[in-house]
């Protein structure tokens, strides 16, 4: 599978292009950078964008969704919820936990991972997991916005992500860590948020992080 990352947006956001090497069929994960940049990158790689997947409906992750849908046409918007219904004139597919989809010959799977936001999803694809704001390198997502739930995030991470193979590569929604991506095994060893054994312990780690947080990390 082809994986191309683009950084920009409001706060070190990542947009990803993932594609089947044989068919060159592609999906965009989060429209956080400019539509023209996404289209130019796809053209340079000879990719045909068929899907736009939004990991959750915080605005920075779909800021360029409408522009991208208008410019490309005939692509499918993929989300967990119906929060973005009506922003494009093309098909809108809502996916459930565990549902699969093909990009060319490559199969991807969606995991519903609420906590940072109720409609958060992660995308499994060929040994990689695209985690949006559920999991970053070095920490998990935050739970300070309306509709966030710290205990729900704990269970999403523990039950859905920590059960994946250690060699799974994490591609987060923001470039907040010491490196842009990392294996789950390395994160288990070095990320204290993933070492919490209970929701209570996780809440304490999150509270301590918020009290000492440096903006932009």
N, C-alpha and C. Protein backbone atom coordinates (compact mmCIF):
# COMPACT_ATOMS: atom_id res chain seq x y z
N UNK A 1 0.84 -1.20 0.00
CA UNK A 1 0.00 0.00 0.00
C UNK A 1 0.87 1.25 0.00
N UNK A 2 0.46 2.23 -0.78
CA UNK A 2 1.13 3.53 -0.80
C UNK A 2 0.58 4.38 0.34
N UNK A 3 1.47 5.01 1.11
CA UNK A 3 1.07 5.95 2.16
C UNK A 3 1.87 7.23 1.97
N UNK A 4 1.17 8.33 1.76
CA UNK A 4 1.81 9.63 1.60
C UNK A 4 1.20 10.59 2.62
N UNK A 5 2.04 11.25 3.38
CA UNK A 5 1.55 12.18 4.40
C UNK A 5 1.82 13.62 4.01
N UNK A 6 0.86 14.48 4.33
CA UNK A 6 0.96 15.92 4.09
C UNK A 6 0.71 16.61 5.42
N UNK A 7 1.58 17.54 5.78
CA UNK A 7 1.43 18.24 7.05
C UNK A 7 1.07 19.70 6.83
N UNK A 8 0.17 20.21 7.67
CA UNK A 8 -0.23 21.62 7.58
C UNK A 8 -1.45 21.86 8.42
N UNK A 9 -2.43 22.53 7.84
CA UNK A 9 -3.68 22.76 8.55
C UNK A 9 -3.54 23.74 9.69
N UNK A 10 -4.41 23.60 10.66
CA UNK A 10 -4.49 24.55 11.77
C UNK A 10 -3.44 24.33 12.85
N UNK A 11 -3.05 23.07 13.06
CA UNK A 11 -2.19 22.77 14.20
C UNK A 11 -1.39 21.50 13.94
N UNK A 12 -0.42 21.60 13.04
CA UNK A 12 0.43 20.45 12.70
C UNK A 12 -0.41 19.24 12.28
N UNK A 13 -1.50 19.50 11.59
CA UNK A 13 -2.38 18.42 11.15
C UNK A 13 -1.71 17.56 10.09
N UNK A 14 -2.11 16.30 10.05
CA UNK A 14 -1.73 15.41 8.96
C UNK A 14 -2.95 15.10 8.10
N UNK A 15 -2.75 15.14 6.80
CA UNK A 15 -3.65 14.54 5.82
C UNK A 15 -2.88 13.39 5.20
N UNK A 16 -3.55 12.27 5.00
CA UNK A 16 -2.89 11.12 4.40
C UNK A 16 -3.56 10.73 3.09
N UNK A 17 -2.74 10.33 2.14
CA UNK A 17 -3.20 9.66 0.93
C UNK A 17 -2.79 8.21 1.05
N UNK A 18 -3.74 7.30 0.99
CA UNK A 18 -3.42 5.87 0.98
C UNK A 18 -3.96 5.29 -0.32
N UNK A 19 -3.21 4.36 -0.90
CA UNK A 19 -3.59 3.91 -2.24
C UNK A 19 -3.13 2.49 -2.51
N UNK A 20 -3.84 1.86 -3.41
CA UNK A 20 -3.48 0.53 -3.94
C UNK A 20 -2.42 0.71 -5.01
N UNK A 21 -1.30 0.01 -4.88
CA UNK A 21 -0.21 0.17 -5.84
C UNK A 21 -0.61 -0.29 -7.23
N UNK A 22 -1.44 -1.32 -7.32
CA UNK A 22 -1.80 -1.88 -8.64
C UNK A 22 -2.81 -0.99 -9.37
N UNK A 23 -3.91 -0.67 -8.70
CA UNK A 23 -4.98 0.08 -9.38
C UNK A 23 -4.77 1.58 -9.33
N UNK A 24 -3.92 2.05 -8.40
CA UNK A 24 -3.68 3.48 -8.14
C UNK A 24 -4.91 4.16 -7.56
N UNK A 25 -5.90 3.38 -7.18
CA UNK A 25 -7.08 3.93 -6.52
C UNK A 25 -6.68 4.39 -5.12
N UNK A 26 -7.20 5.54 -4.68
CA UNK A 26 -6.72 6.16 -3.44
C UNK A 26 -7.86 6.69 -2.58
N UNK A 27 -7.53 6.86 -1.30
CA UNK A 27 -8.41 7.53 -0.35
C UNK A 27 -7.62 8.63 0.36
N UNK A 28 -8.29 9.72 0.62
CA UNK A 28 -7.74 10.78 1.45
C UNK A 28 -8.26 10.57 2.87
N UNK A 29 -7.37 10.62 3.85
CA UNK A 29 -7.79 10.56 5.24
C UNK A 29 -7.62 11.95 5.85
N UNK A 30 -8.71 12.59 6.15
CA UNK A 30 -8.80 13.95 6.71
C UNK A 30 -8.36 15.02 5.71
N UNK A 31 -9.27 15.94 5.43
CA UNK A 31 -8.99 17.04 4.52
C UNK A 31 -8.52 18.24 5.33
N UNK A 32 -7.35 18.10 5.93
CA UNK A 32 -6.83 19.13 6.84
C UNK A 32 -5.93 20.13 6.13
N UNK A 33 -5.37 19.74 4.99
CA UNK A 33 -4.54 20.67 4.22
C UNK A 33 -5.31 21.06 2.96
N UNK A 34 -4.80 22.04 2.23
CA UNK A 34 -5.52 22.59 1.10
C UNK A 34 -5.88 21.58 0.03
N UNK A 35 -7.05 21.76 -0.57
CA UNK A 35 -7.53 20.85 -1.60
C UNK A 35 -6.55 20.77 -2.76
N UNK A 36 -6.00 21.90 -3.18
CA UNK A 36 -5.07 21.90 -4.32
C UNK A 36 -3.81 21.10 -4.00
N UNK A 37 -3.33 21.20 -2.76
CA UNK A 37 -2.15 20.44 -2.36
C UNK A 37 -2.43 18.94 -2.41
N UNK A 38 -3.61 18.55 -1.95
CA UNK A 38 -3.99 17.13 -1.99
C UNK A 38 -4.08 16.64 -3.43
N UNK A 39 -4.75 17.40 -4.28
CA UNK A 39 -4.95 17.00 -5.67
C UNK A 39 -3.62 16.96 -6.41
N UNK A 40 -2.77 17.95 -6.20
CA UNK A 40 -1.46 17.98 -6.86
C UNK A 40 -0.62 16.78 -6.44
N UNK A 41 -0.62 16.46 -5.16
CA UNK A 41 0.15 15.30 -4.68
C UNK A 41 -0.38 14.01 -5.29
N UNK A 42 -1.70 13.86 -5.35
CA UNK A 42 -2.29 12.67 -5.96
C UNK A 42 -1.90 12.58 -7.44
N UNK A 43 -1.95 13.69 -8.15
CA UNK A 43 -1.59 13.68 -9.57
C UNK A 43 -0.11 13.33 -9.77
N UNK A 44 0.74 13.88 -8.92
CA UNK A 44 2.18 13.59 -9.02
C UNK A 44 2.47 12.10 -8.82
N UNK A 45 1.65 11.46 -8.00
CA UNK A 45 1.83 10.03 -7.72
C UNK A 45 0.99 9.15 -8.63
N UNK A 46 0.28 9.77 -9.57
CA UNK A 46 -0.60 9.06 -10.50
C UNK A 46 -1.68 8.27 -9.75
N UNK A 47 -2.31 8.94 -8.77
CA UNK A 47 -3.35 8.30 -7.97
C UNK A 47 -4.72 8.86 -8.35
N UNK A 48 -5.73 8.00 -8.25
CA UNK A 48 -7.11 8.39 -8.53
C UNK A 48 -7.89 8.37 -7.22
N UNK A 49 -8.24 9.52 -6.73
CA UNK A 49 -8.92 9.61 -5.43
C UNK A 49 -10.38 9.17 -5.58
N UNK A 50 -10.76 8.17 -4.80
CA UNK A 50 -12.13 7.66 -4.85
C UNK A 50 -12.89 7.94 -3.55
N UNK A 51 -12.15 8.08 -2.43
CA UNK A 51 -12.79 8.25 -1.13
C UNK A 51 -12.16 9.40 -0.36
N UNK A 52 -12.96 10.06 0.44
CA UNK A 52 -12.49 11.02 1.44
C UNK A 52 -13.01 10.54 2.79
N UNK A 53 -12.09 10.10 3.64
CA UNK A 53 -12.43 9.56 4.95
C UNK A 53 -12.13 10.61 6.01
N UNK A 54 -13.09 10.89 6.87
CA UNK A 54 -12.90 11.86 7.96
C UNK A 54 -12.86 11.10 9.29
N UNK A 55 -11.76 11.27 10.03
CA UNK A 55 -11.59 10.50 11.27
C UNK A 55 -12.53 10.95 12.38
N UNK A 56 -12.92 12.22 12.37
CA UNK A 56 -13.92 12.73 13.31
C UNK A 56 -14.26 14.15 12.88
N UNK A 57 -15.37 14.66 13.37
CA UNK A 57 -15.87 15.92 12.83
C UNK A 57 -15.52 17.15 13.67
N UNK A 58 -14.27 17.23 14.13
CA UNK A 58 -13.71 18.50 14.56
C UNK A 58 -13.24 19.22 13.30
N UNK A 59 -13.49 20.52 13.24
CA UNK A 59 -13.37 21.25 11.98
C UNK A 59 -12.00 21.16 11.35
N UNK A 60 -10.93 21.12 12.14
CA UNK A 60 -9.60 21.10 11.54
C UNK A 60 -9.36 19.85 10.69
N UNK A 61 -10.15 18.80 10.91
CA UNK A 61 -9.95 17.56 10.16
C UNK A 61 -10.78 17.49 8.88
N UNK A 62 -11.75 18.38 8.74
CA UNK A 62 -12.52 18.39 7.50
C UNK A 62 -12.57 19.79 6.88
N UNK A 63 -11.64 20.65 7.25
CA UNK A 63 -11.66 22.04 6.81
C UNK A 63 -11.72 22.20 5.29
N UNK A 64 -11.08 21.31 4.56
CA UNK A 64 -11.03 21.41 3.11
C UNK A 64 -11.89 20.35 2.43
N UNK A 65 -12.76 19.70 3.18
CA UNK A 65 -13.58 18.61 2.63
C UNK A 65 -14.50 19.10 1.52
N UNK A 66 -15.22 20.17 1.77
CA UNK A 66 -16.18 20.66 0.79
C UNK A 66 -15.47 21.08 -0.50
N UNK A 67 -14.35 21.78 -0.36
CA UNK A 67 -13.60 22.21 -1.54
C UNK A 67 -13.09 21.01 -2.33
N UNK A 68 -12.62 19.99 -1.63
CA UNK A 68 -12.10 18.81 -2.30
C UNK A 68 -13.22 18.06 -3.03
N UNK A 69 -14.36 17.94 -2.38
CA UNK A 69 -15.49 17.25 -3.01
C UNK A 69 -15.97 18.00 -4.26
N UNK A 70 -15.98 19.33 -4.19
CA UNK A 70 -16.42 20.12 -5.35
C UNK A 70 -15.45 20.04 -6.51
N UNK A 71 -14.15 19.99 -6.20
CA UNK A 71 -13.14 19.97 -7.25
C UNK A 71 -13.05 18.61 -7.94
N UNK A 72 -13.23 17.55 -7.19
CA UNK A 72 -13.01 16.22 -7.75
C UNK A 72 -14.28 15.59 -8.31
N UNK A 73 -15.38 15.75 -7.60
CA UNK A 73 -16.64 15.10 -8.00
C UNK A 73 -16.48 13.57 -8.00
N UNK A 74 -17.59 12.90 -7.94
CA UNK A 74 -17.67 11.45 -8.03
C UNK A 74 -16.72 10.75 -7.05
N UNK A 75 -16.53 11.33 -5.88
CA UNK A 75 -15.83 10.61 -4.82
C UNK A 75 -16.79 10.45 -3.65
N UNK A 76 -16.52 9.47 -2.82
CA UNK A 76 -17.42 9.14 -1.72
C UNK A 76 -16.86 9.67 -0.41
N UNK A 77 -17.67 10.44 0.30
CA UNK A 77 -17.33 10.90 1.64
C UNK A 77 -17.65 9.78 2.62
N UNK A 78 -16.68 9.46 3.49
CA UNK A 78 -16.84 8.36 4.44
C UNK A 78 -16.67 8.89 5.86
N UNK A 79 -17.69 8.71 6.69
CA UNK A 79 -17.65 9.15 8.09
C UNK A 79 -18.37 8.13 8.95
N UNK A 80 -18.24 8.31 10.27
CA UNK A 80 -19.00 7.45 11.19
C UNK A 80 -20.40 8.01 11.41
N UNK A 81 -20.50 9.32 11.54
CA UNK A 81 -21.78 9.95 11.83
C UNK A 81 -22.30 10.69 10.61
N UNK A 82 -23.49 11.27 10.76
CA UNK A 82 -24.07 12.05 9.66
C UNK A 82 -23.81 13.54 9.81
N UNK A 83 -22.83 13.90 10.63
CA UNK A 83 -22.60 15.31 10.95
C UNK A 83 -22.24 16.15 9.73
N UNK A 84 -21.66 15.53 8.71
CA UNK A 84 -21.24 16.29 7.53
C UNK A 84 -22.18 16.09 6.35
N UNK A 85 -23.33 15.52 6.58
CA UNK A 85 -24.28 15.32 5.48
C UNK A 85 -24.60 16.65 4.80
N UNK A 86 -24.56 16.63 3.47
CA UNK A 86 -24.93 17.82 2.72
C UNK A 86 -23.78 18.70 2.29
N UNK A 87 -22.54 18.40 2.71
CA UNK A 87 -21.44 19.29 2.32
C UNK A 87 -20.97 19.02 0.90
N UNK A 88 -21.30 17.86 0.36
CA UNK A 88 -20.91 17.55 -1.02
C UNK A 88 -22.11 17.05 -1.80
N UNK A 89 -21.96 17.00 -3.11
CA UNK A 89 -23.04 16.55 -3.96
C UNK A 89 -22.92 15.08 -4.31
N UNK A 90 -21.89 14.42 -3.82
CA UNK A 90 -21.65 13.03 -4.16
C UNK A 90 -22.09 12.11 -3.03
N UNK A 91 -21.78 10.84 -3.16
CA UNK A 91 -22.22 9.83 -2.21
C UNK A 91 -21.60 10.04 -0.83
N UNK A 92 -22.38 9.77 0.21
CA UNK A 92 -21.90 9.84 1.59
C UNK A 92 -22.14 8.48 2.22
N UNK A 93 -21.07 7.82 2.61
CA UNK A 93 -21.16 6.50 3.22
C UNK A 93 -20.83 6.60 4.70
N UNK A 94 -21.74 6.16 5.55
CA UNK A 94 -21.48 6.10 6.99
C UNK A 94 -21.12 4.68 7.36
N UNK A 95 -20.01 4.52 8.08
CA UNK A 95 -19.49 3.19 8.38
C UNK A 95 -19.64 2.89 9.87
N UNK A 96 -19.74 1.61 10.18
CA UNK A 96 -19.85 1.17 11.56
C UNK A 96 -18.59 0.49 12.04
N UNK A 97 -18.53 0.22 13.32
CA UNK A 97 -17.38 -0.42 13.93
C UNK A 97 -17.15 -1.80 13.31
N UNK A 98 -15.92 -2.04 12.86
CA UNK A 98 -15.58 -3.32 12.28
C UNK A 98 -15.86 -3.44 10.79
N UNK A 99 -16.52 -2.45 10.21
CA UNK A 99 -16.87 -2.50 8.79
C UNK A 99 -15.60 -2.39 7.92
N UNK A 100 -15.64 -3.06 6.78
CA UNK A 100 -14.50 -3.03 5.87
C UNK A 100 -14.88 -2.38 4.54
N UNK A 101 -13.86 -1.99 3.80
CA UNK A 101 -14.04 -1.35 2.51
C UNK A 101 -12.78 -1.61 1.69
N UNK A 102 -12.90 -1.65 0.39
CA UNK A 102 -11.74 -1.87 -0.47
C UNK A 102 -11.34 -0.60 -1.20
N UNK A 103 -10.03 -0.38 -1.24
CA UNK A 103 -9.43 0.65 -2.07
C UNK A 103 -8.60 -0.12 -3.10
N UNK A 104 -9.13 -0.27 -4.29
CA UNK A 104 -8.51 -1.18 -5.23
C UNK A 104 -8.53 -2.59 -4.65
N UNK A 105 -7.37 -3.23 -4.58
CA UNK A 105 -7.28 -4.57 -4.01
C UNK A 105 -6.95 -4.56 -2.52
N UNK A 106 -6.79 -3.38 -1.95
CA UNK A 106 -6.44 -3.26 -0.53
C UNK A 106 -7.71 -3.15 0.33
N UNK A 107 -7.78 -3.96 1.37
CA UNK A 107 -8.91 -3.89 2.29
C UNK A 107 -8.55 -3.04 3.49
N UNK A 108 -9.43 -2.13 3.86
CA UNK A 108 -9.24 -1.36 5.08
C UNK A 108 -10.41 -1.64 6.02
N UNK A 109 -10.19 -1.42 7.31
CA UNK A 109 -11.23 -1.67 8.31
C UNK A 109 -11.36 -0.46 9.22
N UNK A 110 -12.59 -0.18 9.62
CA UNK A 110 -12.88 0.97 10.48
C UNK A 110 -13.13 0.51 11.91
N UNK A 111 -12.54 1.22 12.86
CA UNK A 111 -12.76 0.97 14.28
C UNK A 111 -13.39 2.22 14.88
N UNK A 112 -14.53 2.07 15.53
CA UNK A 112 -15.14 3.20 16.22
C UNK A 112 -14.43 3.38 17.55
N UNK A 113 -13.82 4.54 17.74
CA UNK A 113 -13.00 4.79 18.94
C UNK A 113 -13.42 6.10 19.61
N UNK A 114 -14.61 6.15 20.20
CA UNK A 114 -15.06 7.39 20.84
C UNK A 114 -14.24 7.72 22.08
N UNK A 115 -14.33 8.96 22.48
CA UNK A 115 -13.59 9.43 23.66
C UNK A 115 -13.12 10.85 23.41
N UNK A 116 -12.22 11.01 22.45
CA UNK A 116 -11.85 12.38 22.05
C UNK A 116 -13.08 13.09 21.48
N UNK A 117 -13.86 12.33 20.69
CA UNK A 117 -15.12 12.83 20.15
C UNK A 117 -16.00 11.63 19.85
N UNK A 118 -17.31 11.78 19.95
CA UNK A 118 -18.19 10.60 19.81
C UNK A 118 -18.08 9.88 18.47
N UNK A 119 -17.77 10.61 17.38
CA UNK A 119 -17.74 9.94 16.07
C UNK A 119 -16.33 9.63 15.59
N UNK A 120 -15.38 9.54 16.52
CA UNK A 120 -14.00 9.22 16.14
C UNK A 120 -13.89 7.80 15.60
N UNK A 121 -13.15 7.67 14.50
CA UNK A 121 -12.82 6.36 13.98
C UNK A 121 -11.32 6.27 13.71
N UNK A 122 -10.80 5.04 13.77
CA UNK A 122 -9.45 4.74 13.33
C UNK A 122 -9.57 3.81 12.13
N UNK A 123 -8.57 3.86 11.27
CA UNK A 123 -8.60 3.09 10.03
C UNK A 123 -7.41 2.15 10.00
N UNK A 124 -7.69 0.85 9.90
CA UNK A 124 -6.65 -0.17 9.76
C UNK A 124 -6.40 -0.43 8.30
N UNK A 125 -5.10 -0.44 7.91
CA UNK A 125 -4.78 -0.64 6.50
C UNK A 125 -3.37 -1.21 6.37
N UNK A 126 -3.27 -2.48 6.01
CA UNK A 126 -1.99 -3.09 5.64
C UNK A 126 -0.90 -2.86 6.69
N UNK A 127 -1.18 -3.19 7.94
CA UNK A 127 -0.18 -3.06 9.00
C UNK A 127 -0.03 -1.67 9.56
N UNK A 128 -0.91 -0.76 9.16
CA UNK A 128 -0.89 0.60 9.68
C UNK A 128 -2.24 0.92 10.30
N UNK A 129 -2.25 1.86 11.25
CA UNK A 129 -3.51 2.35 11.80
C UNK A 129 -3.46 3.87 11.82
N UNK A 130 -4.46 4.47 11.20
CA UNK A 130 -4.58 5.93 11.13
C UNK A 130 -5.54 6.34 12.24
N UNK A 131 -5.02 7.06 13.24
CA UNK A 131 -5.71 7.19 14.52
C UNK A 131 -6.39 8.53 14.74
N UNK A 132 -6.30 9.45 13.78
CA UNK A 132 -6.95 10.74 14.01
C UNK A 132 -6.47 11.36 15.31
N UNK A 133 -7.42 11.80 16.14
CA UNK A 133 -7.05 12.39 17.44
C UNK A 133 -7.30 11.42 18.59
N UNK A 134 -7.45 10.14 18.29
CA UNK A 134 -7.60 9.15 19.35
C UNK A 134 -6.25 8.85 20.00
N UNK A 135 -5.22 8.73 19.17
CA UNK A 135 -3.89 8.40 19.68
C UNK A 135 -2.83 9.14 18.87
N UNK A 136 -1.94 9.82 19.59
CA UNK A 136 -0.80 10.49 18.99
C UNK A 136 0.47 9.72 19.34
N UNK A 137 1.60 10.19 18.85
CA UNK A 137 2.88 9.64 19.26
C UNK A 137 3.26 10.30 20.57
N UNK A 138 3.34 9.51 21.62
CA UNK A 138 3.71 10.02 22.94
C UNK A 138 2.56 10.25 23.89
N UNK A 139 1.35 10.29 23.38
CA UNK A 139 0.18 10.46 24.24
C UNK A 139 -1.09 10.13 23.48
N UNK A 140 -2.19 10.13 24.18
CA UNK A 140 -3.49 9.97 23.53
C UNK A 140 -4.04 11.35 23.17
N UNK A 141 -5.20 11.35 22.53
CA UNK A 141 -5.91 12.60 22.29
C UNK A 141 -6.38 13.20 23.61
N UNK A 142 -6.78 14.45 23.54
CA UNK A 142 -7.28 15.13 24.74
C UNK A 142 -8.79 14.94 24.85
N UNK A 143 -9.31 15.25 26.02
CA UNK A 143 -10.76 15.11 26.25
C UNK A 143 -11.31 16.35 26.93
N UNK A 144 -10.91 17.52 26.41
CA UNK A 144 -11.31 18.78 27.03
C UNK A 144 -12.43 19.49 26.26
N UNK A 145 -12.78 18.99 25.10
CA UNK A 145 -13.81 19.66 24.31
C UNK A 145 -15.19 19.10 24.64
N UNK A 146 -16.23 19.84 24.29
CA UNK A 146 -17.58 19.33 24.52
C UNK A 146 -17.77 17.97 23.85
N UNK A 147 -18.46 17.08 24.55
CA UNK A 147 -18.75 15.71 24.09
C UNK A 147 -17.59 14.74 24.25
N UNK A 148 -16.42 15.22 24.72
CA UNK A 148 -15.32 14.31 24.99
C UNK A 148 -15.60 13.52 26.26
N UNK A 149 -14.98 12.35 26.38
CA UNK A 149 -15.18 11.50 27.55
C UNK A 149 -13.90 10.72 27.81
N UNK A 150 -13.24 11.02 28.92
CA UNK A 150 -11.94 10.42 29.23
C UNK A 150 -12.03 8.91 29.42
N UNK A 151 -13.02 8.45 30.15
CA UNK A 151 -13.14 7.02 30.40
C UNK A 151 -13.47 6.26 29.11
N UNK A 152 -14.25 6.88 28.26
CA UNK A 152 -14.56 6.26 26.98
C UNK A 152 -13.31 6.15 26.12
N UNK A 153 -12.47 7.19 26.16
CA UNK A 153 -11.22 7.15 25.41
C UNK A 153 -10.32 6.03 25.93
N UNK A 154 -10.25 5.86 27.23
CA UNK A 154 -9.45 4.78 27.81
C UNK A 154 -9.87 3.43 27.24
N UNK A 155 -11.16 3.18 27.21
CA UNK A 155 -11.64 1.89 26.73
C UNK A 155 -11.45 1.74 25.22
N UNK A 156 -11.57 2.83 24.47
CA UNK A 156 -11.31 2.75 23.04
C UNK A 156 -9.86 2.35 22.77
N UNK A 157 -8.94 2.98 23.48
CA UNK A 157 -7.52 2.69 23.29
C UNK A 157 -7.20 1.29 23.79
N UNK A 158 -7.67 0.95 24.96
CA UNK A 158 -7.34 -0.35 25.56
C UNK A 158 -7.96 -1.51 24.79
N UNK A 159 -9.22 -1.37 24.42
CA UNK A 159 -9.95 -2.48 23.82
C UNK A 159 -9.81 -2.57 22.31
N UNK A 160 -9.54 -1.45 21.65
CA UNK A 160 -9.50 -1.45 20.20
C UNK A 160 -8.07 -1.34 19.63
N UNK A 161 -7.23 -0.50 20.24
CA UNK A 161 -5.91 -0.25 19.67
C UNK A 161 -4.81 -1.10 20.30
N UNK A 162 -4.83 -1.25 21.60
CA UNK A 162 -3.76 -2.02 22.25
C UNK A 162 -3.84 -3.50 21.96
N UNK A 163 -4.92 -3.95 21.36
CA UNK A 163 -5.05 -5.35 20.97
C UNK A 163 -4.45 -5.63 19.59
N UNK A 164 -4.04 -4.59 18.87
CA UNK A 164 -3.43 -4.75 17.56
C UNK A 164 -2.00 -5.27 17.70
N UNK A 165 -1.44 -5.88 16.67
CA UNK A 165 -0.05 -6.37 16.73
C UNK A 165 0.93 -5.24 17.04
N UNK A 166 1.98 -5.58 17.79
CA UNK A 166 2.97 -4.58 18.20
C UNK A 166 3.64 -3.90 17.01
N UNK A 167 3.72 -4.61 15.88
CA UNK A 167 4.40 -4.04 14.71
C UNK A 167 3.51 -3.08 13.92
N UNK A 168 2.27 -2.91 14.33
CA UNK A 168 1.37 -1.97 13.67
C UNK A 168 1.95 -0.55 13.76
N UNK A 169 1.97 0.16 12.63
CA UNK A 169 2.53 1.52 12.60
C UNK A 169 1.39 2.52 12.80
N UNK A 170 1.58 3.42 13.76
CA UNK A 170 0.59 4.44 14.10
C UNK A 170 0.85 5.69 13.28
N UNK A 171 -0.19 6.13 12.56
CA UNK A 171 -0.15 7.39 11.82
C UNK A 171 -1.20 8.31 12.44
N UNK A 172 -0.78 9.28 13.26
CA UNK A 172 -1.73 10.12 14.00
C UNK A 172 -2.25 11.29 13.18
N UNK A 173 -3.22 11.99 13.76
CA UNK A 173 -3.84 13.13 13.09
C UNK A 173 -3.09 14.43 13.21
N UNK A 174 -2.11 14.49 14.12
CA UNK A 174 -1.28 15.69 14.30
C UNK A 174 0.16 15.27 14.55
N UNK A 175 1.08 16.12 14.18
CA UNK A 175 2.50 15.86 14.38
C UNK A 175 2.95 16.43 15.72
N UNK A 176 2.52 15.80 16.80
CA UNK A 176 2.83 16.29 18.14
C UNK A 176 3.99 15.56 18.80
N UNK A 177 4.43 14.46 18.23
CA UNK A 177 5.43 13.63 18.89
C UNK A 177 6.85 13.93 18.45
N UNK A 178 7.78 13.11 18.96
CA UNK A 178 9.18 13.25 18.59
C UNK A 178 9.44 12.76 17.17
N UNK A 179 8.52 11.95 16.65
CA UNK A 179 8.61 11.46 15.28
C UNK A 179 7.20 11.44 14.71
N UNK A 180 7.03 11.47 13.40
CA UNK A 180 5.68 11.55 12.83
C UNK A 180 4.86 10.28 12.99
N UNK A 181 5.50 9.13 13.06
CA UNK A 181 4.79 7.87 13.28
C UNK A 181 5.69 6.91 14.04
N UNK A 182 5.10 5.85 14.58
CA UNK A 182 5.85 4.92 15.41
C UNK A 182 5.08 3.61 15.46
N UNK A 183 5.76 2.55 15.88
CA UNK A 183 5.06 1.28 16.03
C UNK A 183 4.30 1.26 17.35
N UNK A 184 3.25 0.48 17.39
CA UNK A 184 2.47 0.33 18.61
C UNK A 184 3.33 -0.26 19.72
N UNK A 185 4.20 -1.19 19.38
CA UNK A 185 5.07 -1.79 20.39
C UNK A 185 5.96 -0.78 21.07
N UNK A 186 6.55 0.12 20.28
CA UNK A 186 7.39 1.17 20.86
C UNK A 186 6.57 2.11 21.74
N UNK A 187 5.35 2.42 21.29
CA UNK A 187 4.50 3.30 22.08
C UNK A 187 4.09 2.65 23.41
N UNK A 188 3.84 1.36 23.39
CA UNK A 188 3.49 0.66 24.63
C UNK A 188 4.62 0.79 25.66
N UNK A 189 5.85 0.78 25.17
CA UNK A 189 7.01 0.85 26.07
C UNK A 189 7.27 2.26 26.58
N UNK A 190 6.94 3.26 25.76
CA UNK A 190 7.38 4.63 26.07
C UNK A 190 6.27 5.63 26.32
N UNK A 191 5.04 5.26 26.07
CA UNK A 191 3.91 6.18 26.19
C UNK A 191 3.15 5.87 27.48
N UNK A 192 3.29 6.73 28.49
CA UNK A 192 2.68 6.44 29.79
C UNK A 192 1.16 6.36 29.73
N UNK A 193 0.56 7.04 28.76
CA UNK A 193 -0.89 7.00 28.63
C UNK A 193 -1.37 5.60 28.28
N UNK A 194 -0.53 4.83 27.60
CA UNK A 194 -0.90 3.47 27.20
C UNK A 194 -0.58 2.45 28.29
N UNK A 195 0.05 2.90 29.35
CA UNK A 195 0.43 1.99 30.43
C UNK A 195 -0.55 1.99 31.59
N UNK A 196 -1.57 2.85 31.50
CA UNK A 196 -2.60 2.88 32.55
C UNK A 196 -3.36 1.56 32.56
N UNK A 197 -3.55 1.00 33.73
CA UNK A 197 -4.21 -0.29 33.85
C UNK A 197 -5.69 -0.17 34.17
N UNK A 198 -6.15 1.03 34.47
CA UNK A 198 -7.56 1.23 34.78
C UNK A 198 -8.00 2.60 34.29
N UNK A 199 -9.30 2.79 34.18
CA UNK A 199 -9.82 4.08 33.77
C UNK A 199 -9.48 5.16 34.79
N UNK A 200 -9.49 4.80 36.07
CA UNK A 200 -9.14 5.76 37.12
C UNK A 200 -7.70 6.23 36.97
N UNK A 201 -6.79 5.29 36.71
CA UNK A 201 -5.38 5.65 36.53
C UNK A 201 -5.21 6.51 35.28
N UNK A 202 -5.94 6.18 34.22
CA UNK A 202 -5.87 6.96 32.99
C UNK A 202 -6.36 8.39 33.23
N UNK A 203 -7.45 8.53 33.95
CA UNK A 203 -7.97 9.87 34.27
C UNK A 203 -6.94 10.70 35.02
N UNK A 204 -6.22 10.06 35.93
CA UNK A 204 -5.19 10.77 36.70
C UNK A 204 -4.05 11.22 35.79
N UNK A 205 -3.62 10.36 34.89
CA UNK A 205 -2.55 10.73 33.94
C UNK A 205 -2.99 11.88 33.06
N UNK A 206 -4.24 11.82 32.59
CA UNK A 206 -4.77 12.89 31.75
C UNK A 206 -4.84 14.21 32.51
N UNK A 207 -5.28 14.17 33.74
CA UNK A 207 -5.39 15.38 34.55
C UNK A 207 -4.01 16.00 34.77
N UNK A 208 -3.03 15.17 35.09
CA UNK A 208 -1.68 15.67 35.30
C UNK A 208 -1.10 16.27 34.02
N UNK A 209 -1.41 15.63 32.89
CA UNK A 209 -0.95 16.17 31.61
C UNK A 209 -1.55 17.55 31.34
N UNK A 210 -2.84 17.70 31.55
CA UNK A 210 -3.51 18.98 31.28
C UNK A 210 -2.95 20.08 32.18
N UNK A 211 -2.61 19.74 33.41
CA UNK A 211 -2.08 20.74 34.35
C UNK A 211 -0.70 21.22 33.96
N UNK A 212 0.05 20.39 33.24
CA UNK A 212 1.43 20.76 32.88
C UNK A 212 1.63 20.93 31.38
N UNK A 213 0.55 20.88 30.63
CA UNK A 213 0.64 20.89 29.17
C UNK A 213 1.25 22.17 28.63
N UNK A 214 2.13 21.99 27.65
CA UNK A 214 2.70 23.09 26.88
C UNK A 214 1.92 23.18 25.58
N UNK A 215 1.40 24.35 25.24
CA UNK A 215 0.59 24.53 24.03
C UNK A 215 1.39 24.08 22.81
N UNK A 216 0.75 23.32 21.96
CA UNK A 216 1.39 22.85 20.73
C UNK A 216 2.01 21.49 20.86
N UNK A 217 1.74 20.81 21.99
CA UNK A 217 2.26 19.45 22.19
C UNK A 217 1.12 18.50 22.47
